[in-house]
Protein backbone atom coordinates (compact mmCIF):
# COMPACT_ATOMS: atom_id res chain seq x y z
CA MET A 1 5.77 6.39 11.04
CA HIS A 2 4.87 2.80 10.21
CA TYR A 3 6.97 0.57 8.00
CA PHE A 4 6.65 -2.73 6.14
CA GLU A 5 9.33 -4.21 3.89
CA THR A 6 8.79 -7.15 1.55
CA PRO A 7 11.37 -9.90 0.95
CA THR A 8 12.22 -8.14 -2.35
CA ASN A 9 12.99 -4.86 -0.51
CA LEU A 10 9.81 -3.07 -1.54
CA LYS A 11 8.98 -0.62 1.22
CA PHE A 12 5.57 0.57 2.38
CA VAL A 13 5.51 3.55 4.74
CA MET A 14 2.53 5.20 6.41
CA MET A 15 2.58 8.41 8.41
CA THR A 16 -0.02 8.66 11.17
CA ASP A 17 -0.65 10.36 14.45
CA PRO A 18 1.95 9.18 17.00
CA LEU A 19 -0.84 7.71 19.15
CA VAL A 20 -1.97 5.27 16.45
CA ASP A 21 -1.09 1.64 17.17
CA SER A 22 1.17 -0.32 14.84
CA MET A 23 0.01 -0.37 11.22
CA TYR A 24 2.31 -3.25 10.24
CA ILE A 25 -0.63 -5.62 9.63
CA ILE A 26 -2.43 -2.95 7.59
CA LEU A 27 0.65 -2.28 5.46
CA ARG A 28 1.11 -6.00 4.89
CA GLN A 29 -2.55 -6.26 3.89
CA ILE A 30 -2.09 -3.39 1.43
CA TYR A 31 0.82 -5.26 -0.10
CA VAL A 32 -0.89 -8.65 -0.30
CA SER A 33 -4.43 -7.58 -1.18
CA LEU A 34 -3.89 -4.46 -3.27
CA TYR A 35 -0.33 -4.15 -4.54
CA VAL A 36 0.04 -7.78 -5.60
CA GLU A 37 -3.43 -7.86 -7.16
CA TYR A 38 -3.32 -4.56 -9.05
CA VAL A 39 0.38 -3.99 -9.70
CA VAL A 40 2.34 -7.25 -9.60
CA LYS A 41 -0.23 -9.19 -11.61
CA ASN A 42 -0.52 -6.35 -14.15
CA PRO A 43 2.22 -6.67 -16.79
CA LEU A 44 1.77 -3.02 -17.82
CA ALA A 45 1.92 -1.58 -14.30
CA LEU A 46 5.65 -0.88 -14.23
CA ALA A 47 6.20 -0.74 -17.99
CA HIS A 48 7.02 2.99 -17.99
CA GLY A 49 9.53 3.05 -15.16
CA SER A 50 9.65 2.29 -11.48
CA ASP A 51 6.70 4.48 -10.43
CA VAL A 52 3.40 2.74 -9.80
CA ASP A 53 0.84 4.28 -12.13
CA VAL A 54 -2.18 2.01 -11.82
CA GLU A 55 -5.37 3.96 -11.28
CA LEU A 56 -7.29 0.98 -9.92
CA PHE A 57 -4.56 0.44 -7.30
CA ARG A 58 -4.69 4.11 -6.26
CA LEU A 59 -8.48 4.13 -6.05
CA SER A 60 -8.58 0.87 -4.10
CA LEU A 61 -5.85 2.06 -1.75
CA ASP A 62 -7.67 5.34 -1.14
CA SER A 63 -10.94 3.52 -0.40
CA PHE A 64 -9.19 1.05 1.89
CA ILE A 65 -7.38 3.76 3.88
CA LYS A 66 -10.64 5.66 4.40
CA THR A 67 -12.18 2.59 6.08
CA LEU A 68 -9.48 2.46 8.78
CA ASP A 69 -10.27 3.60 12.32
CA ALA A 70 -7.10 5.72 12.28
CA TYR A 71 -8.36 7.72 9.29
CA GLU A 72 -10.10 10.92 10.34
């Protein structure tokens, strides 16, 4: 299990094979490059509660994860 927590206590967790090296940098990149861009900067992203429901974020995250060496 890999874990990244932002200064505002937002937590990103990724489950991988135990042999996969640390994903801290990847989780931080997801936060900075995807979450901030598609969720934080979108005033409607969290309008309906605390769940993230931004299709562009989900699609971008899915595409990004599939490019990782650890994804098989």
